[in-house]
Structures are given as structure tokens and as C-alpha cells.
Amino acid sequence: MVFAGLTLENAAQETREVGSGQHKRIERKYTVQKLLDPEFRLPRESSESKDAKAAMKALTGKGVRVFKAKKE
């Protein structure tokens, strides 16, 4: 349940730039209504998540521990 809550919270905070020039603005990527729609699916992980994993590996040994959960 915690995973679902964190996923929704993080998705709700995602933003994107819209427009160009003087009309450029930042808006939310997903609306709450869209996130709570039972048919809506978040996109799969992209290369950004691979970059995050590489960053975590770089921190290993510098006071940061990486744990893997067992699949049951």
C-alpha cells in the first residue's frame, strides 16, 4: 500500500514545460483525476531509471548501502 501511495504522490508532482518563448510555462504532467482513473497506467521505466541505478552504485561505499528485497 505504501508503494502505491508513493508512486501516486511522485507522479502527481511531475511537471513538464509547455509552450515556447514568452509563453513557456510549467504544468503538472498528470492530473489527480487522471491518476485515480482505474484505466490509467503510468509509462514504464525509461533510461532515466538506469541512470538512477548507476548513481546509486556510485554512492555505494560512501556511507550508502543498497539492499535488494527478496521476491516471494
N, C-alpha and C. Protein backbone atom coordinates (compact mmCIF):
# COMPACT_ATOMS: atom_id res chain seq x y z
N MET A 1 0.81 -1.18 0.00
CA MET A 1 0.00 0.00 0.00
C MET A 1 0.87 1.26 0.00
N VAL A 2 1.98 1.20 0.71
CA VAL A 2 2.89 2.35 0.77
C VAL A 2 3.47 2.63 -0.61
N PHE A 3 3.83 1.57 -1.33
CA PHE A 3 4.38 1.72 -2.68
C PHE A 3 3.40 2.45 -3.59
N ALA A 4 2.13 2.07 -3.53
CA ALA A 4 1.11 2.71 -4.37
C ALA A 4 0.98 4.18 -4.01
N GLY A 5 0.98 4.50 -2.73
CA GLY A 5 0.87 5.88 -2.30
C GLY A 5 2.05 6.72 -2.74
N LEU A 6 3.25 6.18 -2.59
CA LEU A 6 4.45 6.91 -3.02
C LEU A 6 4.48 7.10 -4.53
N THR A 7 4.06 6.09 -5.26
CA THR A 7 4.02 6.18 -6.71
C THR A 7 3.06 7.27 -7.16
N LEU A 8 1.86 7.29 -6.56
CA LEU A 8 0.88 8.32 -6.91
C LEU A 8 1.37 9.71 -6.52
N GLU A 9 1.97 9.83 -5.36
CA GLU A 9 2.46 11.13 -4.91
C GLU A 9 3.56 11.65 -5.83
N ASN A 10 4.49 10.79 -6.20
CA ASN A 10 5.58 11.20 -7.09
C ASN A 10 5.05 11.57 -8.47
N ALA A 11 4.11 10.80 -9.00
CA ALA A 11 3.53 11.10 -10.30
C ALA A 11 2.78 12.43 -10.27
N ALA A 12 2.10 12.70 -9.17
CA ALA A 12 1.35 13.95 -9.05
C ALA A 12 2.26 15.17 -9.02
N GLN A 13 3.51 14.99 -8.63
CA GLN A 13 4.46 16.10 -8.56
C GLN A 13 5.27 16.29 -9.84
N GLU A 14 5.15 15.39 -10.80
CA GLU A 14 5.89 15.52 -12.06
C GLU A 14 5.36 16.70 -12.85
N THR A 15 6.28 17.46 -13.47
CA THR A 15 5.90 18.61 -14.27
C THR A 15 6.56 18.53 -15.64
N ARG A 16 6.08 19.39 -16.55
CA ARG A 16 6.68 19.49 -17.89
C ARG A 16 6.54 20.93 -18.37
N GLU A 17 7.44 21.31 -19.28
CA GLU A 17 7.38 22.65 -19.86
C GLU A 17 6.46 22.62 -21.07
N VAL A 18 5.60 23.62 -21.16
CA VAL A 18 4.63 23.71 -22.25
C VAL A 18 4.78 25.09 -22.89
N GLY A 19 4.63 25.16 -24.20
CA GLY A 19 4.72 26.43 -24.91
C GLY A 19 6.14 26.75 -25.29
N SER A 20 6.31 27.94 -25.87
CA SER A 20 7.65 28.37 -26.27
C SER A 20 7.77 29.88 -26.12
N GLY A 21 9.01 30.34 -26.09
CA GLY A 21 9.27 31.77 -25.97
C GLY A 21 8.71 32.36 -24.69
N GLN A 22 8.02 33.49 -24.83
CA GLN A 22 7.45 34.16 -23.67
C GLN A 22 6.25 33.41 -23.09
N HIS A 23 5.69 32.51 -23.86
CA HIS A 23 4.50 31.77 -23.43
C HIS A 23 4.85 30.43 -22.77
N LYS A 24 6.13 30.24 -22.48
CA LYS A 24 6.56 28.99 -21.85
C LYS A 24 6.08 28.97 -20.41
N ARG A 25 5.54 27.84 -19.99
CA ARG A 25 5.09 27.69 -18.61
C ARG A 25 5.28 26.24 -18.18
N ILE A 26 5.22 26.02 -16.89
CA ILE A 26 5.35 24.67 -16.33
C ILE A 26 3.97 24.24 -15.84
N GLU A 27 3.58 23.04 -16.21
CA GLU A 27 2.30 22.50 -15.73
C GLU A 27 2.50 21.07 -15.27
N ARG A 28 1.55 20.61 -14.49
CA ARG A 28 1.62 19.23 -13.99
C ARG A 28 1.45 18.24 -15.14
N LYS A 29 2.21 17.16 -15.08
CA LYS A 29 2.17 16.16 -16.13
C LYS A 29 0.89 15.32 -16.05
N TYR A 30 0.44 15.03 -14.83
CA TYR A 30 -0.76 14.22 -14.62
C TYR A 30 -1.71 14.95 -13.68
N THR A 31 -2.99 14.89 -13.95
CA THR A 31 -3.99 15.44 -13.03
C THR A 31 -4.36 14.37 -12.02
N VAL A 32 -4.89 14.78 -10.89
CA VAL A 32 -5.32 13.83 -9.87
C VAL A 32 -6.41 12.93 -10.44
N GLN A 33 -7.33 13.52 -11.21
CA GLN A 33 -8.41 12.75 -11.82
C GLN A 33 -7.84 11.65 -12.72
N LYS A 34 -6.82 12.00 -13.48
CA LYS A 34 -6.19 11.03 -14.39
C LYS A 34 -5.50 9.92 -13.59
N LEU A 35 -4.78 10.29 -12.53
CA LEU A 35 -4.06 9.31 -11.71
C LEU A 35 -5.00 8.34 -11.01
N LEU A 36 -6.19 8.81 -10.64
CA LEU A 36 -7.14 7.95 -9.92
C LEU A 36 -8.06 7.17 -10.85
N ASP A 37 -7.97 7.40 -12.15
CA ASP A 37 -8.77 6.66 -13.13
C ASP A 37 -8.29 5.20 -13.16
N PRO A 38 -9.17 4.22 -12.94
CA PRO A 38 -8.76 2.80 -12.92
C PRO A 38 -8.14 2.32 -14.24
N GLU A 39 -8.43 2.99 -15.34
CA GLU A 39 -7.89 2.59 -16.65
C GLU A 39 -6.52 3.19 -16.94
N PHE A 40 -6.10 4.19 -16.16
CA PHE A 40 -4.84 4.89 -16.42
C PHE A 40 -3.65 4.05 -15.97
N ARG A 41 -2.60 4.05 -16.78
CA ARG A 41 -1.35 3.35 -16.44
C ARG A 41 -0.19 4.32 -16.63
N LEU A 42 0.71 4.36 -15.66
CA LEU A 42 1.92 5.17 -15.81
C LEU A 42 2.83 4.51 -16.84
N PRO A 43 3.62 5.30 -17.57
CA PRO A 43 4.55 4.71 -18.55
C PRO A 43 5.59 3.84 -17.85
N ARG A 44 6.11 2.88 -18.56
CA ARG A 44 7.15 2.01 -17.99
C ARG A 44 8.42 2.81 -17.74
N GLU A 45 9.34 2.19 -16.97
CA GLU A 45 10.61 2.84 -16.66
C GLU A 45 11.37 3.12 -17.95
N SER A 46 12.08 4.26 -17.96
CA SER A 46 12.87 4.63 -19.12
C SER A 46 14.35 4.56 -18.77
N SER A 47 15.16 5.10 -19.64
CA SER A 47 16.60 5.10 -19.40
C SER A 47 16.97 5.94 -18.18
N GLU A 48 16.07 6.86 -17.78
CA GLU A 48 16.33 7.68 -16.60
C GLU A 48 16.51 6.80 -15.36
N SER A 49 15.72 5.72 -15.28
CA SER A 49 15.83 4.84 -14.11
C SER A 49 17.17 4.11 -14.13
N LYS A 50 17.70 3.84 -15.31
CA LYS A 50 19.02 3.21 -15.40
C LYS A 50 20.08 4.18 -14.89
N ASP A 51 19.91 5.48 -15.19
CA ASP A 51 20.83 6.49 -14.69
C ASP A 51 20.77 6.57 -13.17
N ALA A 52 19.57 6.43 -12.62
CA ALA A 52 19.40 6.45 -11.17
C ALA A 52 20.11 5.26 -10.53
N LYS A 53 20.01 4.09 -11.17
CA LYS A 53 20.69 2.90 -10.64
C LYS A 53 22.20 3.09 -10.68
N ALA A 54 22.72 3.71 -11.74
CA ALA A 54 24.15 3.97 -11.85
C ALA A 54 24.59 4.95 -10.76
N ALA A 55 23.75 5.94 -10.49
CA ALA A 55 24.07 6.92 -9.44
C ALA A 55 24.12 6.24 -8.07
N MET A 56 23.19 5.31 -7.82
CA MET A 56 23.20 4.58 -6.55
C MET A 56 24.46 3.73 -6.42
N LYS A 57 24.90 3.11 -7.52
CA LYS A 57 26.12 2.31 -7.49
C LYS A 57 27.32 3.19 -7.16
N ALA A 58 27.34 4.40 -7.69
CA ALA A 58 28.44 5.32 -7.43
C ALA A 58 28.50 5.72 -5.95
N LEU A 59 27.35 5.75 -5.29
CA LEU A 59 27.31 6.12 -3.87
C LEU A 59 27.64 4.96 -2.94
N THR A 60 27.58 3.74 -3.45
CA THR A 60 27.87 2.57 -2.63
C THR A 60 29.30 2.66 -2.10
N GLY A 61 29.45 2.45 -0.83
CA GLY A 61 30.77 2.52 -0.21
C GLY A 61 31.06 3.91 0.36
N LYS A 62 30.18 4.85 0.14
CA LYS A 62 30.35 6.21 0.66
C LYS A 62 29.31 6.48 1.74
N GLY A 63 29.01 5.48 2.53
CA GLY A 63 28.03 5.64 3.59
C GLY A 63 26.62 5.27 3.16
N VAL A 64 26.47 4.80 1.92
CA VAL A 64 25.15 4.42 1.41
C VAL A 64 25.16 2.92 1.16
N ARG A 65 24.16 2.24 1.68
CA ARG A 65 24.03 0.81 1.46
C ARG A 65 22.87 0.54 0.52
N VAL A 66 23.03 -0.44 -0.34
CA VAL A 66 21.97 -0.84 -1.26
C VAL A 66 21.48 -2.22 -0.83
N PHE A 67 20.19 -2.35 -0.64
CA PHE A 67 19.58 -3.61 -0.25
C PHE A 67 18.65 -4.08 -1.35
N LYS A 68 18.60 -5.38 -1.53
CA LYS A 68 17.67 -5.95 -2.50
C LYS A 68 16.63 -6.75 -1.73
N ALA A 69 15.38 -6.55 -2.10
CA ALA A 69 14.30 -7.29 -1.46
C ALA A 69 14.14 -8.64 -2.12
N LYS A 70 13.80 -9.64 -1.33
CA LYS A 70 13.56 -10.97 -1.87
C LYS A 70 12.19 -11.03 -2.49
N LYS A 71 12.11 -11.65 -3.65
CA LYS A 71 10.80 -11.84 -4.27
C LYS A 71 10.19 -13.12 -3.71
N GLU A 72 8.94 -13.02 -3.35
CA GLU A 72 8.26 -14.20 -2.78
C GLU A 72 7.18 -14.68 -3.69
